[in-house]
Amino acid sequence: MNVILLQTTRSALYLTWVKYTRKPVFGLPQCFELPESMRDGKECNDLPAFARYVQECAKSVKMGTNKIIYCLEDDHIISKEYQHLPCKKKDLLKLAELEAETVLQDGVDEYMIQNYEYNRVNPMTGKLTSSLFAVKTKLLGEIRKNFSKYGLHVIKIVPPISGLLHAGKKIPAERNQTIALLDFDYTKTRLVLFQNGMPVFQRTFETVFDDIVEIIMRNRSVSFADAVRSVTAYGFTVENDETAAQQISDLLDACVSEAIRNIRMVLSSERLELNRLILCGGLSIVPKFDEFCAKLELDIPIENVASCSVPQPALNAAAKRAGFQPSAFYSEAGLLSAKKSEDIDFLLLVKAISSTHAANVAVLVLITLLAVGVMALEPIVYLSALKQQAQDNSSLNGSKYEAVKDLLQEQSELEQRLSKLKNDQKLLPSGKSNAKEMTGQLISQITAKAKSVDSCDLDNMTGTVALTFTTANYNGYLTIKNQVESNGYFSIAVPFRVDIGTDGGCTCSVSLKVKDFTPSVSGGKEGGQQ
């Protein structure tokens, strides 16, 4: 099956013919400058116009297929990494939806959510890391509908970073080896960090490619597409313009440095040490790009994915003639070769919902037909029931059923009496006494700290306590008084009164009331001497 890989940048549309088999074969990427109204991620603001533009571009270069794999960029996808304890796959999507609620403004119900689990346990926390990807359901439906109007069949809608996540797992890694896979694509700069062959971190950055192309356009007075072809063939060179050359150098420096900063940040937080930095993507094959990276004097060894012992994407003759190399399509090959169980395809969710809707409609039609059938049979059933009722009444009026009827009458009377007794029982007062809680508070606040309790009069109906107790000394009295006042369970109805004896002991009395007291339904006055 032949397909078109659709990608967009801030200023351009890229269409790449692909022979979509077990080992995809990539054709020459065709570049088209976007109209002003579709730039800067606005192509989805007017999807009918964008679909028409894609159709016209595909037709102009004779793609020969109408099947589209739509790479939906971060302008329209909300993603978030989060950590969680190991759980079943069915529970993981629920966790993703809970995490999505923290970043989605319109509510989870407005979005399709996909989840990708890294399957690497953090040795410090024992938790796994996952990435969630969320896209508005309405946008996915609009893409399918509008492309279909112009004869284009969208078969997949995927986030491009998923290709790098899948492809990076194929790079052989030694035990405890950490690899950074950096995709300098035309559309975005993407980074995935792997440890023991499992993802640790992923991030997507804005590309500087469009900015560089625009500088070359002005320098050489050529079109956007011609400037792209010039970069692929000759590199980031400008003629007789040191200012433009410095601007390009600064842009590349900023692009690479941002990725390196993120790598170092993750290495520090995860307590890892980077062993290899591997480059891939369209910019990685640009002449002298490796030399530029070497000039940055990074303390990390850099290599191209082409030098790794991994299967490389296949290219057709047109792509080879244009100077493209397999490493330019490494991320895209990972995207197309992903297993169905690991594929982050939003269209699968849309199709599942459509199938569910169709099934619901079919069930509703079946129920309607059954209801019509039942309504047609109802008169016949009703007449049969009347006839049977007449026969039953005639039989019941016979003398042999008199004893049974008397027993049934007696049973009915007994049931009525039992029901009345149950109703009377409900009218009896019932409830839980508050005395237990009040007594517990008295013990913890006063009794446990007093020398003795001389009298205690506790009223469970009003929540009041009149208490006389003895302490060994005045400090003991103050301790109890402060405890009662600070605890807040009791309010002081009658203030503390203390008499100091000749032996230094104190006889104290106080009346307390439980704050916000709610009387029980039943109960009474409980008191006693101690």
Protein backbone atom coordinates (compact mmCIF):
# COMPACT_ATOMS: atom_id res chain seq x y z
CA MET A 1 0.00 0.00 0.00
CA ASN A 2 1.27 3.46 -0.96
CA VAL A 3 0.59 6.37 1.39
CA ILE A 4 1.42 10.06 1.75
CA LEU A 5 3.14 11.16 4.95
CA LEU A 6 1.81 14.64 5.73
CA GLN A 7 3.91 16.98 7.89
CA THR A 8 3.72 20.72 8.50
CA THR A 9 6.13 23.32 9.81
CA ARG A 10 5.56 26.93 10.73
CA SER A 11 5.87 27.95 7.05
CA ALA A 12 5.67 24.83 4.89
CA LEU A 13 3.84 21.63 4.02
CA TYR A 14 5.85 18.45 3.39
CA LEU A 15 4.37 15.50 1.51
CA THR A 16 6.42 12.30 1.34
CA TRP A 17 5.44 9.29 -0.76
CA VAL A 18 5.91 6.04 1.18
CA LYS A 19 5.53 2.43 0.18
CA TYR A 20 3.87 1.28 3.42
CA THR A 21 5.01 -2.31 3.91
CA ARG A 22 6.74 -4.23 6.69
CA LYS A 23 9.90 -2.30 5.74
CA PRO A 24 8.70 1.10 4.46
CA VAL A 25 10.32 2.67 1.40
CA PHE A 26 10.52 6.48 1.46
CA GLY A 27 10.35 8.77 -1.52
CA LEU A 28 11.57 12.33 -1.98
CA PRO A 29 9.90 14.78 0.46
CA GLN A 30 8.05 17.45 -1.53
CA CYS A 31 8.04 20.93 0.02
CA PHE A 32 5.25 23.50 -0.49
CA GLU A 33 5.22 26.94 1.08
CA LEU A 34 2.02 27.44 3.08
CA PRO A 35 -0.29 30.37 2.27
CA GLU A 36 -0.04 33.20 4.79
CA SER A 37 -3.41 32.29 6.38
CA MET A 38 -2.20 28.74 7.17
CA ARG A 39 1.17 29.58 8.71
CA ASP A 40 2.23 29.39 12.36
CA GLY A 41 0.03 26.39 13.14
CA LYS A 42 -3.14 27.92 11.68
CA GLU A 43 -3.69 25.25 9.01
CA CYS A 44 -6.38 23.60 11.17
CA ASN A 45 -8.29 26.87 11.60
CA ASP A 46 -9.70 26.41 8.10
CA LEU A 47 -9.58 22.68 7.41
CA PRO A 48 -11.63 22.77 4.16
CA ALA A 49 -9.08 25.19 2.65
CA PHE A 50 -6.14 23.19 4.00
CA ALA A 51 -7.54 19.89 2.67
CA ARG A 52 -8.03 21.48 -0.75
CA TYR A 53 -4.45 22.82 -0.66
CA VAL A 54 -3.09 19.36 0.23
CA GLN A 55 -5.07 17.82 -2.62
CA GLU A 56 -3.73 20.37 -5.10
CA CYS A 57 -0.13 19.89 -3.92
CA ALA A 58 -0.36 16.06 -4.05
CA LYS A 59 -1.87 16.23 -7.52
CA SER A 60 0.82 18.64 -8.78
CA VAL A 61 3.64 16.18 -7.96
CA LYS A 62 1.65 13.07 -8.96
CA MET A 63 1.74 11.24 -5.64
CA GLY A 64 -0.41 8.46 -7.08
CA THR A 65 -2.32 7.70 -3.87
CA ASN A 66 -5.02 9.32 -1.77
CA LYS A 67 -4.17 7.64 1.54
CA ILE A 68 -2.82 10.07 4.16
CA ILE A 69 -0.89 9.50 7.37
CA TYR A 70 -1.37 12.81 9.18
CA CYS A 71 1.45 13.82 11.52
CA LEU A 72 -0.27 16.13 13.97
CA GLU A 73 2.27 18.48 15.50
CA ASP A 74 2.44 19.84 19.05
CA ASP A 75 0.54 22.98 18.02
CA HIS A 76 -2.61 20.84 18.22
CA ILE A 77 -1.58 18.16 20.75
CA ILE A 78 -1.35 18.58 24.52
CA SER A 79 1.16 16.21 26.08
CA LYS A 80 2.38 15.61 29.62
CA GLU A 81 4.78 13.24 31.29
CA TYR A 82 3.70 11.85 34.66
CA GLN A 83 4.77 9.16 37.12
CA HIS A 84 2.58 6.40 38.53
CA LEU A 85 2.77 3.10 40.34
CA PRO A 86 2.64 -0.11 38.24
CA CYS A 87 -0.93 -0.96 37.26
CA LYS A 88 -3.00 -2.83 34.68
CA LYS A 89 -3.29 -1.36 31.19
CA LYS A 90 -7.05 -0.76 31.54
CA ASP A 91 -6.42 1.28 34.71
CA LEU A 92 -3.57 3.24 33.11
CA LEU A 93 -5.88 5.12 30.73
CA LYS A 94 -8.01 6.16 33.73
CA LEU A 95 -4.86 7.51 35.39
CA ALA A 96 -4.02 9.37 32.16
CA GLU A 97 -7.48 10.96 32.15
CA LEU A 98 -7.02 12.10 35.75
CA GLU A 99 -3.63 13.62 34.87
CA ALA A 100 -5.13 15.24 31.76
CA GLU A 101 -7.65 17.09 33.91
CA THR A 102 -4.76 19.15 35.33
CA VAL A 103 -3.75 20.50 31.90
CA LEU A 104 -6.94 20.49 29.79
CA GLN A 105 -8.97 23.68 30.01
CA ASP A 106 -12.09 22.41 28.21
CA GLY A 107 -12.51 19.23 30.21
CA VAL A 108 -11.50 15.65 29.47
CA ASP A 109 -14.76 14.84 27.67
CA GLU A 110 -13.79 17.18 24.80
CA TYR A 111 -10.57 15.25 24.05
CA MET A 112 -9.28 11.95 22.75
CA ILE A 113 -6.51 10.76 25.08
CA GLN A 114 -3.74 8.29 24.22
CA ASN A 115 -1.16 7.02 26.70
CA TYR A 116 2.37 5.69 26.17
CA GLU A 117 4.06 3.88 29.06
CA TYR A 118 7.88 3.89 29.12
CA ASN A 119 8.08 0.58 31.06
CA ARG A 120 11.13 1.76 33.02
CA VAL A 121 10.90 1.66 36.81
CA ASN A 122 12.60 4.55 38.57
CA PRO A 123 14.99 2.86 41.03
CA MET A 124 14.59 5.71 43.54
CA THR A 125 10.76 5.91 43.65
CA GLY A 126 9.67 2.53 42.30
CA LYS A 127 7.32 4.37 39.91
CA LEU A 128 6.87 4.16 36.13
CA THR A 129 6.77 7.11 33.75
CA SER A 130 4.16 7.59 31.02
CA SER A 131 3.30 10.29 28.49
CA LEU A 132 -0.27 11.23 27.71
CA PHE A 133 -1.29 12.83 24.41
CA ALA A 134 -4.62 14.66 24.08
CA VAL A 135 -6.33 16.05 20.96
CA LYS A 136 -9.75 17.63 20.65
CA THR A 137 -12.24 15.05 19.40
CA LYS A 138 -13.89 17.64 17.18
CA LEU A 139 -10.59 18.38 15.41
CA LEU A 140 -10.01 14.70 14.61
CA GLY A 141 -13.49 14.38 13.14
CA GLU A 142 -13.09 17.57 11.11
CA ILE A 143 -9.79 16.37 9.63
CA ARG A 144 -11.34 13.10 8.43
CA LYS A 145 -14.47 14.76 7.10
CA ASN A 146 -12.83 17.62 5.21
CA PHE A 147 -10.04 15.54 3.69
CA SER A 148 -12.64 13.00 2.60
CA LYS A 149 -14.55 15.75 0.75
CA TYR A 150 -11.49 16.25 -1.45
CA GLY A 151 -10.93 12.54 -2.10
CA LEU A 152 -8.21 12.10 0.52
CA HIS A 153 -8.50 9.16 2.91
CA VAL A 154 -6.84 9.79 6.28
CA ILE A 155 -5.81 6.37 7.63
CA LYS A 156 -3.79 7.48 10.69
CA ILE A 157 -3.42 10.59 12.84
CA VAL A 158 -0.31 10.36 15.00
CA PRO A 159 2.04 12.54 17.08
CA PRO A 160 5.48 12.42 15.34
CA ILE A 161 7.34 11.96 18.65
CA SER A 162 5.85 8.45 18.80
CA GLY A 163 8.09 7.47 15.87
CA LEU A 164 11.21 8.40 17.81
CA LEU A 165 9.94 6.54 20.90
CA HIS A 166 9.47 3.34 18.85
CA ALA A 167 12.63 3.66 16.72
CA GLY A 168 14.94 4.34 19.66
CA LYS A 169 14.09 0.99 21.26
CA LYS A 170 15.79 -0.77 18.34
CA ILE A 171 19.21 0.77 19.06
CA PRO A 172 21.33 -1.85 20.85
CA ALA A 173 22.26 -0.71 24.36
CA GLU A 174 24.63 -2.22 26.87
CA ARG A 175 23.56 -2.72 30.47
CA ASN A 176 22.95 0.58 32.29
CA GLN A 177 23.82 2.50 29.12
CA THR A 178 22.09 5.87 28.60
CA ILE A 179 21.48 7.11 25.04
CA ALA A 180 20.09 10.45 23.85
CA LEU A 181 18.38 10.20 20.43
CA LEU A 182 18.10 13.68 18.88
CA ASP A 183 15.93 14.09 15.79
CA PHE A 184 16.71 17.33 13.89
CA ASP A 185 13.71 17.14 11.59
CA TYR A 186 12.48 19.82 9.21
CA THR A 187 9.25 20.14 11.20
CA LYS A 188 10.46 19.99 14.83
CA THR A 189 13.46 19.08 16.96
CA ARG A 190 12.67 16.01 19.04
CA LEU A 191 14.57 14.41 21.90
CA VAL A 192 14.12 11.04 23.61
CA LEU A 193 16.41 9.75 26.36
CA PHE A 194 16.78 5.97 26.71
CA GLN A 195 18.25 3.93 29.55
CA ASN A 196 18.71 0.17 29.05
CA GLY A 197 16.72 0.55 25.84
CA MET A 198 13.67 2.04 27.59
CA PRO A 199 12.52 5.69 27.30
CA VAL A 200 13.22 7.95 30.25
CA PHE A 201 12.23 11.37 28.88
CA GLN A 202 10.82 12.90 25.71
CA ARG A 203 10.48 16.48 24.57
CA THR A 204 9.67 18.36 21.35
CA PHE A 205 11.19 21.77 20.50
CA GLU A 206 10.52 24.34 17.80
CA THR A 207 12.73 23.91 14.75
CA VAL A 208 15.02 26.65 13.43
CA PHE A 209 14.93 25.18 9.91
CA ASP A 210 12.23 27.56 8.62
CA ASP A 211 14.18 30.56 9.93
CA ILE A 212 17.36 29.35 8.19
CA VAL A 213 15.48 28.70 4.93
CA GLU A 214 14.06 32.23 4.98
CA ILE A 215 17.59 33.66 5.44
CA ILE A 216 18.81 31.62 2.44
CA MET A 217 15.75 32.71 0.40
CA ARG A 218 16.68 36.36 0.90
CA ASN A 219 20.37 35.72 0.29
CA ARG A 220 19.87 33.82 -2.98
CA SER A 221 16.55 35.32 -4.08
CA VAL A 222 14.91 31.90 -4.53
CA SER A 223 11.61 30.33 -3.51
CA PHE A 224 11.07 28.49 -0.22
CA ALA A 225 11.12 25.06 -1.90
CA ASP A 226 14.31 25.91 -3.84
CA ALA A 227 15.97 27.10 -0.63
CA VAL A 228 15.08 23.77 1.04
CA ARG A 229 16.61 21.83 -1.88
CA SER A 230 19.71 24.04 -1.69
CA VAL A 231 20.19 23.24 2.01
CA THR A 232 19.87 19.50 1.35
CA ALA A 233 22.45 19.66 -1.45
CA TYR A 234 24.95 22.28 -0.25
CA GLY A 235 24.32 22.85 3.44
CA PHE A 236 23.74 26.09 5.36
CA THR A 237 25.92 28.24 3.11
CA VAL A 238 25.24 31.83 2.06
CA GLU A 239 27.06 33.91 -0.51
CA ASN A 240 29.00 37.02 0.48
CA ASP A 241 26.93 37.79 3.56
CA GLU A 242 28.73 37.40 6.87
CA THR A 243 25.71 38.74 8.80
CA ALA A 244 23.44 36.04 7.34
CA ALA A 245 26.08 33.36 8.00
CA GLN A 246 26.35 34.47 11.63
CA GLN A 247 22.55 34.45 12.00
CA ILE A 248 22.42 30.85 10.74
CA SER A 249 25.24 29.85 13.07
CA ASP A 250 23.47 31.46 16.04
CA LEU A 251 20.19 29.69 15.20
CA LEU A 252 21.87 26.28 14.98
CA ASP A 253 23.79 26.97 18.17
CA ALA A 254 20.58 27.87 20.02
CA CYS A 255 18.79 24.78 18.66
CA VAL A 256 21.49 22.32 19.70
CA SER A 257 22.19 24.05 23.02
CA GLU A 258 18.51 23.91 24.05
CA ALA A 259 18.45 20.16 23.45
CA ILE A 260 21.72 19.70 25.39
CA ARG A 261 20.36 21.74 28.32
CA ASN A 262 17.32 19.46 28.53
CA ILE A 263 19.52 16.37 28.35
CA ARG A 264 21.70 17.57 31.21
CA MET A 265 18.66 18.56 33.29
CA VAL A 266 17.14 15.06 32.99
CA LEU A 267 20.47 13.35 33.60
CA SER A 268 20.84 15.34 36.81
CA SER A 269 17.30 14.67 38.06
CA GLU A 270 17.41 10.95 37.18
CA ARG A 271 21.03 10.56 38.38
CA LEU A 272 22.18 9.14 35.05
CA GLU A 273 25.34 9.51 33.00
CA LEU A 274 25.06 9.93 29.21
CA ASN A 275 27.04 7.42 27.16
CA ARG A 276 25.98 8.25 23.58
CA LEU A 277 24.34 11.16 21.69
CA ILE A 278 22.88 9.93 18.40
CA LEU A 279 21.61 12.28 15.67
CA CYS A 280 18.98 11.59 13.03
CA GLY A 281 16.46 13.56 10.97
CA GLY A 282 16.59 15.78 7.88
CA LEU A 283 19.07 18.31 9.28
CA SER A 284 21.48 15.62 10.46
CA ILE A 285 22.29 14.76 6.82
CA VAL A 286 22.85 18.37 5.76
CA PRO A 287 26.46 18.78 4.58
CA LYS A 288 28.85 19.89 7.36
CA PHE A 289 26.14 19.70 10.07
CA ASP A 290 28.26 17.15 11.99
CA GLU A 291 31.19 19.55 11.71
CA PHE A 292 29.08 22.35 13.16
CA CYS A 293 28.11 20.18 16.16
CA ALA A 294 31.77 19.26 16.67
CA LYS A 295 32.71 22.97 16.81
CA LEU A 296 30.40 23.43 19.78
CA GLU A 297 32.96 21.43 21.79
CA LEU A 298 30.32 19.49 23.71
CA ASP A 299 31.58 17.05 26.34
CA ILE A 300 29.27 14.36 24.91
CA PRO A 301 30.36 12.00 22.08
CA ILE A 302 28.19 12.55 18.97
CA GLU A 303 27.37 9.98 16.29
CA ASN A 304 24.86 9.59 13.48
CA VAL A 305 22.24 6.86 13.58
CA ALA A 306 23.61 5.69 10.23
CA SER A 307 26.69 4.38 12.06
CA CYS A 308 24.59 2.30 14.47
CA SER A 309 23.94 -1.39 13.90
CA VAL A 310 20.19 -0.93 13.42
CA PRO A 311 17.96 -1.51 10.36
CA GLN A 312 17.98 1.63 8.23
CA PRO A 313 14.93 2.93 6.28
CA ALA A 314 14.85 2.16 2.56
CA LEU A 315 14.79 4.98 -0.05
CA ASN A 316 13.55 5.03 -3.62
CA ALA A 317 15.67 6.27 -6.51
CA ALA A 318 14.29 9.84 -6.44
CA ALA A 319 15.21 10.33 -2.78
CA LYS A 320 18.71 8.95 -3.36
CA ARG A 321 19.30 11.20 -6.39
CA ALA A 322 18.32 14.24 -4.28
CA GLY A 323 21.03 13.39 -1.75
CA PHE A 324 18.82 12.03 1.01
CA GLN A 325 20.14 9.38 3.37
CA PRO A 326 18.23 6.76 5.41
CA SER A 327 18.93 8.54 8.71
CA ALA A 328 16.74 11.44 7.52
CA PHE A 329 13.69 9.13 7.79
CA TYR A 330 14.66 7.18 10.93
CA SER A 331 11.93 8.69 13.11
CA GLU A 332 9.28 8.34 10.38
CA ALA A 333 10.23 4.68 9.88
CA GLY A 334 9.68 4.08 13.59
CA LEU A 335 6.27 5.72 13.31
CA LEU A 336 5.20 3.41 10.47
CA SER A 337 6.65 0.20 11.92
CA ALA A 338 5.11 0.48 15.39
CA LYS A 339 3.08 -2.47 16.61
CA LYS A 340 -0.64 -1.93 16.80
CA SER A 341 -0.57 -2.43 20.58
CA GLU A 342 2.01 0.39 20.92
CA ASP A 343 0.79 2.68 18.14
CA ILE A 344 -0.36 6.13 19.29
CA ASP A 345 -3.01 6.52 16.60
CA PHE A 346 -5.86 8.87 17.51
CA LEU A 347 -7.89 7.60 14.59
CA LEU A 348 -8.24 4.19 16.26
CA LEU A 349 -10.21 5.88 19.06
CA VAL A 350 -12.38 7.76 16.57
CA LYS A 351 -13.13 4.53 14.69
CA ALA A 352 -13.92 2.74 17.96
CA ILE A 353 -16.42 5.45 18.90
CA SER A 354 -17.97 5.29 15.40
CA SER A 355 -18.30 1.51 15.66
CA THR A 356 -19.89 1.83 19.10
CA HIS A 357 -22.32 4.42 17.72
CA ALA A 358 -23.24 2.13 14.81
CA ALA A 359 -23.77 -0.78 17.20
CA ASN A 360 -25.99 1.40 19.40
CA VAL A 361 -28.09 2.40 16.39
CA ALA A 362 -28.45 -1.26 15.36
CA VAL A 363 -29.54 -2.23 18.88
CA LEU A 364 -32.04 0.65 18.95
CA VAL A 365 -33.54 -0.46 15.62
CA LEU A 366 -33.85 -4.04 16.89
CA ILE A 367 -35.53 -2.89 20.11
CA THR A 368 -37.96 -0.76 18.08
CA LEU A 369 -38.90 -3.73 15.88
CA LEU A 370 -39.42 -5.92 18.93
CA ALA A 371 -41.59 -3.24 20.53
CA VAL A 372 -43.75 -3.04 17.38
CA GLY A 373 -44.13 -6.83 17.40
CA VAL A 374 -45.15 -6.87 21.06
CA MET A 375 -47.71 -4.11 20.47
CA ALA A 376 -49.20 -6.14 17.60
CA LEU A 377 -49.57 -9.22 19.83
CA GLU A 378 -50.89 -7.31 22.85
CA PRO A 379 -54.66 -7.43 21.92
CA ILE A 380 -54.47 -11.21 21.40
CA VAL A 381 -52.68 -11.71 24.70
CA TYR A 382 -55.21 -9.46 26.48
CA LEU A 383 -58.24 -11.42 25.20
CA SER A 384 -56.59 -14.70 26.16
CA ALA A 385 -55.92 -13.35 29.67
CA LEU A 386 -59.57 -12.29 30.11
CA LYS A 387 -60.77 -15.75 29.13
CA GLN A 388 -58.35 -17.42 31.52
CA GLN A 389 -59.38 -15.04 34.34
CA ALA A 390 -63.03 -16.00 33.93
CA GLN A 391 -62.13 -19.70 34.11
CA ASP A 392 -60.01 -19.14 37.24
CA ASN A 393 -62.79 -17.20 39.02
CA SER A 394 -65.26 -19.98 38.26
CA SER A 395 -62.91 -22.59 39.75
CA LEU A 396 -62.15 -20.54 42.87
CA ASN A 397 -65.81 -20.17 43.70
CA GLY A 398 -66.10 -23.96 44.15
CA SER A 399 -66.60 -25.48 47.66
CA LYS A 400 -63.23 -27.31 47.64
CA TYR A 401 -61.35 -24.00 47.92
CA GLU A 402 -63.30 -22.64 50.95
CA ALA A 403 -60.77 -23.90 53.54
CA VAL A 404 -57.89 -22.44 51.54
CA LYS A 405 -59.65 -19.08 51.26
CA ASP A 406 -60.16 -19.02 55.07
CA LEU A 407 -56.44 -19.68 55.64
CA LEU A 408 -55.50 -16.93 53.23
CA GLN A 409 -57.84 -14.52 55.02
CA GLU A 410 -56.28 -15.42 58.39
CA GLN A 411 -52.78 -14.95 56.92
CA SER A 412 -53.74 -11.51 55.65
CA GLU A 413 -55.02 -10.45 59.09
CA LEU A 414 -51.81 -11.67 60.78
CA GLU A 415 -49.68 -9.77 58.29
CA GLN A 416 -51.65 -6.58 58.96
CA ARG A 417 -51.13 -6.99 62.74
CA LEU A 418 -47.40 -7.61 62.22
CA SER A 419 -47.13 -4.52 60.03
CA LYS A 420 -48.86 -2.42 62.72
CA LEU A 421 -46.44 -3.72 65.39
CA LYS A 422 -43.47 -2.79 63.20
CA ASN A 423 -44.86 0.72 62.71
CA ASP A 424 -45.36 1.06 66.47
CA GLN A 425 -41.78 -0.06 67.01
CA LYS A 426 -40.55 2.75 64.74
CA LEU A 427 -42.34 5.28 66.93
CA LEU A 428 -40.41 4.20 70.02
CA PRO A 429 -37.54 6.56 70.92
CA SER A 430 -34.09 5.44 69.92
CA GLY A 431 -30.66 6.94 69.52
CA LYS A 432 -27.08 6.87 70.59
CA SER A 433 -26.02 8.36 73.93
CA ASN A 434 -23.44 11.15 73.94
CA ALA A 435 -22.25 10.14 77.40
CA LYS A 436 -19.42 7.92 76.12
CA GLU A 437 -17.73 10.71 74.19
CA MET A 438 -18.23 13.23 77.04
CA THR A 439 -16.81 10.76 79.58
CA GLY A 440 -13.80 10.10 77.36
CA GLN A 441 -13.06 13.85 77.11
CA LEU A 442 -13.41 14.25 80.92
CA ILE A 443 -10.97 11.40 81.51
CA SER A 444 -8.36 12.65 79.02
CA GLN A 445 -8.58 16.33 80.06
CA ILE A 446 -9.28 16.20 83.83
CA THR A 447 -9.54 12.81 85.53
CA ALA A 448 -6.22 11.47 84.21
CA LYS A 449 -4.42 14.53 85.56
CA ALA A 450 -6.32 15.01 88.86
CA LYS A 451 -5.41 13.44 92.19
CA SER A 452 -9.01 12.44 92.75
CA VAL A 453 -12.54 13.24 91.51
CA ASP A 454 -14.91 13.98 94.37
CA SER A 455 -18.13 14.32 92.38
CA CYS A 456 -19.26 14.34 88.75
CA ASP A 457 -22.76 15.22 87.61
CA LEU A 458 -23.11 14.59 83.84
CA ASP A 459 -26.34 15.55 82.03
CA ASN A 460 -26.55 13.71 78.71
CA MET A 461 -29.62 15.67 77.59
CA THR A 462 -28.02 19.12 77.85
CA GLY A 463 -24.35 18.27 77.49
CA THR A 464 -23.38 19.81 80.85
CA VAL A 465 -21.02 18.53 83.52
CA ALA A 466 -20.63 19.74 87.12
CA LEU A 467 -17.34 18.48 88.50
CA THR A 468 -15.40 18.65 91.78
CA PHE A 469 -11.86 17.30 91.82
CA THR A 470 -8.61 17.51 93.84
CA THR A 471 -5.07 18.20 92.63
CA ALA A 472 -1.80 17.67 94.45
CA ASN A 473 -0.79 21.32 94.11
CA TYR A 474 -1.68 24.60 92.44
CA ASN A 475 0.35 23.82 89.33
CA GLY A 476 -1.68 20.68 88.82
CA TYR A 477 -4.83 22.79 88.96
CA LEU A 478 -3.43 25.24 86.37
CA THR A 479 -2.45 22.37 84.07
CA ILE A 480 -6.01 21.01 84.04
CA LYS A 481 -7.54 24.48 83.64
CA ASN A 482 -5.28 25.29 80.65
CA GLN A 483 -5.97 21.90 79.10
CA VAL A 484 -9.75 22.43 79.24
CA GLU A 485 -9.54 25.99 77.91
CA SER A 486 -7.20 25.15 75.02
CA ASN A 487 -8.80 21.85 73.98
CA GLY A 488 -12.03 23.52 72.82
CA TYR A 489 -14.32 20.55 73.36
CA PHE A 490 -15.93 22.10 76.47
CA SER A 491 -17.00 25.67 77.08
CA ILE A 492 -16.88 26.88 80.71
CA ALA A 493 -20.42 27.45 82.00
CA VAL A 494 -19.38 28.31 85.60
CA PRO A 495 -15.76 29.40 86.01
CA PHE A 496 -13.18 27.34 87.85
CA ARG A 497 -13.15 27.80 91.61
CA VAL A 498 -10.23 26.60 93.73
CA ASP A 499 -9.57 26.26 97.46
CA ILE A 500 -5.99 25.65 98.57
CA GLY A 501 -5.61 23.37 101.60
CA THR A 502 -2.96 23.52 104.31
CA ASP A 503 -1.06 20.66 102.64
CA GLY A 504 -0.86 22.58 99.37
CA GLY A 505 -3.52 20.46 97.69
CA CYS A 506 -6.30 22.16 95.77
CA THR A 507 -9.99 21.38 95.77
CA CYS A 508 -11.46 22.61 92.47
CA SER A 509 -14.94 22.86 91.05
CA VAL A 510 -16.23 23.86 87.61
CA SER A 511 -19.31 23.55 85.41
CA LEU A 512 -18.65 22.70 81.73
CA LYS A 513 -20.82 22.48 78.63
CA VAL A 514 -20.04 20.64 75.39
CA LYS A 515 -19.69 23.11 72.50
CA ASP A 516 -22.22 22.76 69.65
CA PHE A 517 -23.96 20.01 71.63
CA THR A 518 -26.66 18.01 69.83
CA PRO A 519 -29.07 16.21 72.23
CA SER A 520 -29.63 12.51 71.57
CA VAL A 521 -33.12 11.24 70.69
CA SER A 522 -33.35 9.41 73.96
CA GLY A 523 -31.24 9.24 77.04
CA GLY A 524 -31.27 10.80 80.45
CA LYS A 525 -29.22 12.30 83.17
CA GLU A 526 -26.19 10.25 84.05
CA GLY A 527 -24.18 11.11 87.12
CA GLY A 528 -22.15 9.59 89.85
CA GLN A 529 -19.64 10.07 92.60
CA GLN A 530 -16.00 9.10 92.34
